[in-house]
Amino acid sequence: MLAAVDAWAGRNPDTKVFAQTGPTRLQLKNLECKPFVSPSRADQLVQESSLIVAHAGMGSILTAMRHSRPILIMPRHASLGEHRNDHQLATARWLATRPGVVVAWNEQELVERLDQRGSLGASGGLPPVADGPLVQRLHAYLQGAGIGSDSPSRT
C-alpha cells in the first residue's frame, strides 16, 4: 500500500501526502512520512486532510468518521503475511456501503480511488458519545448479568 501511495504521490506532485508508516524498509521518495506520530499530531493531520488512506483498522476508520473525513481503506491479508487473520477483510466488507468509506481491494483499485478522490464524499460523522438507546440497552444487559452499578463489585 505504501509503495502504491508513494508512486501515486510522485505522479501528483501538487497533492500534499503525509504517511504514518510504522516500521518499514521501503525508501519512500514522494511523500512526507514518519514511522509514528503522537495522537495529538495524528488528530491535527486528520483535521487538515481531505482524505484518509489506511488499512481497515477500526481506529483509523473511527477517527475519519469522528472528523467527517472520507476514508479509503485497503484491508490487510493474512494470506500475504500482513496480519494474523482476515478480520480486516470482514471489516471492509461490512463498511463498504457506508457513506465516506471507500474500499480498495488491491493496489490498482487504490490508485484508481486516489484518482477519484475529489468525488469521495465525507462520512456521516460519528458522535463523541454513544446514543441514549445504546447506553440503555448496555445498562440493562449489564444489570441482567449482575454487573450493574447496583450490584456488589466483583474481583
Protein backbone atom coordinates (compact mmCIF):
# COMPACT_ATOMS: atom_id res chain seq x y z
CA MET A 1 0.00 0.00 0.00
CA LEU A 2 2.75 2.47 0.91
CA ALA A 3 4.61 1.84 -2.34
CA ALA A 4 1.42 2.43 -4.35
CA VAL A 5 0.65 5.68 -2.50
CA ASP A 6 4.25 6.83 -2.89
CA ALA A 7 4.17 6.16 -6.65
CA TRP A 8 0.80 7.95 -6.91
CA ALA A 9 2.20 10.94 -4.99
CA GLY A 10 5.09 11.08 -7.48
CA ARG A 11 2.59 11.40 -10.34
CA ASN A 12 0.59 14.02 -8.41
CA PRO A 13 3.21 16.42 -7.02
CA ASP A 14 0.67 19.17 -6.35
CA THR A 15 -1.10 17.00 -3.78
CA LYS A 16 0.43 17.02 -0.31
CA VAL A 17 0.64 13.49 1.08
CA PHE A 18 1.71 12.53 4.60
CA ALA A 19 2.08 8.93 5.77
CA GLN A 20 2.47 7.40 9.19
CA THR A 21 4.30 4.31 8.02
CA GLY A 22 5.07 2.26 11.07
CA PRO A 23 8.29 0.28 10.75
CA THR A 24 9.20 -0.20 7.09
CA ARG A 25 12.27 -0.78 4.94
CA LEU A 26 10.70 0.98 1.96
CA GLN A 27 12.52 4.02 0.63
CA LEU A 28 9.62 6.41 0.09
CA LYS A 29 10.55 9.32 -2.20
CA ASN A 30 7.40 11.24 -2.97
CA LEU A 31 5.64 11.83 0.33
CA GLU A 32 6.42 13.17 3.74
CA CYS A 33 6.45 10.36 6.26
CA LYS A 34 7.29 9.35 9.81
CA PRO A 35 7.15 5.90 11.39
CA PHE A 36 4.89 7.19 14.17
CA VAL A 37 3.27 10.46 15.24
CA SER A 38 1.75 11.40 18.57
CA PRO A 39 -2.02 11.08 18.98
CA SER A 40 -2.37 14.87 19.06
CA ARG A 41 -0.35 15.25 15.84
CA ALA A 42 -2.36 12.47 14.18
CA ASP A 43 -5.57 14.25 15.17
CA GLN A 44 -4.25 17.51 13.71
CA LEU A 45 -3.26 15.81 10.45
CA VAL A 46 -6.72 14.25 10.13
CA GLN A 47 -8.39 17.62 10.68
CA GLU A 48 -6.20 19.17 7.96
CA SER A 49 -6.79 16.35 5.48
CA SER A 50 -9.29 15.96 2.68
CA LEU A 51 -8.90 12.16 2.55
CA ILE A 52 -7.55 9.47 4.88
CA VAL A 53 -5.91 6.39 3.37
CA ALA A 54 -5.41 3.46 5.73
CA HIS A 55 -5.62 -0.23 6.26
CA ALA A 56 -9.00 -1.41 7.53
CA GLY A 57 -8.21 -0.88 11.19
CA MET A 58 -11.13 0.36 13.27
CA GLY A 59 -9.07 3.09 14.94
CA SER A 60 -8.38 4.79 11.61
CA ILE A 61 -11.95 4.32 10.43
CA LEU A 62 -13.47 5.71 13.63
CA THR A 63 -11.08 8.68 13.58
CA ALA A 64 -12.03 9.53 10.00
CA MET A 65 -15.72 9.23 10.86
CA ARG A 66 -15.33 11.34 14.02
CA HIS A 67 -13.86 14.15 11.89
CA SER A 68 -16.29 13.60 8.97
CA ARG A 69 -13.45 12.81 6.57
CA PRO A 70 -13.72 10.29 3.75
CA ILE A 71 -11.51 7.27 4.23
CA LEU A 72 -10.07 4.97 1.60
CA ILE A 73 -9.27 1.62 3.16
CA MET A 74 -7.25 -1.28 1.85
CA PRO A 75 -7.57 -4.31 4.12
CA ARG A 76 -4.54 -6.36 5.09
CA HIS A 77 -4.49 -10.03 4.09
CA ALA A 78 -3.37 -12.85 6.36
CA SER A 79 -2.50 -14.94 3.29
CA LEU A 80 0.16 -12.34 2.40
CA GLY A 81 1.59 -12.32 5.93
CA GLU A 82 0.25 -8.81 6.53
CA HIS A 83 -1.84 -9.77 9.55
CA ARG A 84 -2.58 -12.72 11.80
CA ASN A 85 -6.10 -13.27 10.37
CA ASP A 86 -8.50 -11.77 7.85
CA HIS A 87 -10.60 -9.66 10.22
CA GLN A 88 -9.78 -6.56 8.13
CA LEU A 89 -11.39 -8.17 5.09
CA ALA A 90 -14.56 -8.70 7.12
CA THR A 91 -14.41 -5.11 8.39
CA ALA A 92 -14.01 -3.77 4.85
CA ARG A 93 -16.94 -5.83 3.54
CA TRP A 94 -19.10 -4.66 6.45
CA LEU A 95 -18.27 -0.96 5.97
CA ALA A 96 -18.08 -0.86 2.15
CA THR A 97 -21.56 0.61 1.79
CA ARG A 98 -21.26 3.27 4.50
CA PRO A 99 -21.07 6.88 3.34
CA GLY A 100 -17.49 8.14 3.33
CA VAL A 101 -15.88 4.68 3.45
CA VAL A 102 -14.35 3.53 0.16
CA VAL A 103 -12.64 0.15 -0.18
CA ALA A 104 -9.74 -0.71 -2.46
CA TRP A 105 -9.16 -4.46 -2.59
CA ASN A 106 -5.74 -4.18 -4.29
CA GLU A 107 -3.08 -1.63 -5.31
CA GLN A 108 -4.67 -0.96 -8.72
CA GLU A 109 -8.02 -0.10 -7.12
CA LEU A 110 -6.21 2.04 -4.56
CA VAL A 111 -4.66 4.17 -7.30
CA GLU A 112 -8.00 4.37 -9.18
CA ARG A 113 -9.75 5.57 -6.00
CA LEU A 114 -6.99 8.10 -5.31
CA ASP A 115 -7.52 9.47 -8.81
CA GLN A 116 -11.23 9.87 -7.92
CA ARG A 117 -10.51 11.47 -4.53
CA GLY A 118 -12.42 14.67 -5.32
CA SER A 119 -15.66 12.75 -5.71
CA LEU A 120 -15.39 10.72 -2.49
CA GLY A 121 -17.98 12.01 -0.04
CA ALA A 122 -17.38 12.56 3.63
CA SER A 123 -18.62 10.16 6.25
CA GLY A 124 -21.81 10.95 8.09
CA GLY A 125 -19.77 11.71 11.18
CA LEU A 126 -19.65 9.94 14.48
CA PRO A 127 -20.93 11.42 17.73
CA PRO A 128 -18.41 11.71 20.58
CA VAL A 129 -20.58 9.55 22.86
CA ALA A 130 -22.96 6.65 22.34
CA ASP A 131 -26.60 7.46 21.78
CA GLY A 132 -29.21 7.03 24.53
CA PRO A 133 -30.86 3.80 23.29
CA LEU A 134 -27.49 2.03 23.03
CA VAL A 135 -26.48 3.13 26.53
CA GLN A 136 -29.85 1.97 27.89
CA ARG A 137 -29.53 -1.46 26.23
CA LEU A 138 -25.99 -1.87 27.58
CA HIS A 139 -27.09 -0.82 31.05
CA ALA A 140 -29.97 -3.32 31.00
CA TYR A 141 -27.67 -6.09 29.77
CA LEU A 142 -25.04 -5.39 32.42
CA GLN A 143 -27.63 -5.27 35.19
CA GLY A 144 -29.11 -8.56 33.94
CA ALA A 145 -25.64 -10.08 34.17
CA GLY A 146 -25.21 -8.76 37.71
CA ILE A 147 -22.59 -6.22 36.64
CA GLY A 148 -24.61 -3.01 37.06
CA SER A 149 -23.71 -0.24 39.50
CA ASP A 150 -26.35 -1.51 41.96
CA SER A 151 -24.64 -4.90 42.36
CA PRO A 152 -21.69 -5.70 44.61
CA SER A 153 -18.35 -5.35 42.84
CA ARG A 154 -16.62 -8.43 41.54
CA THR A 155 -12.91 -9.03 41.73
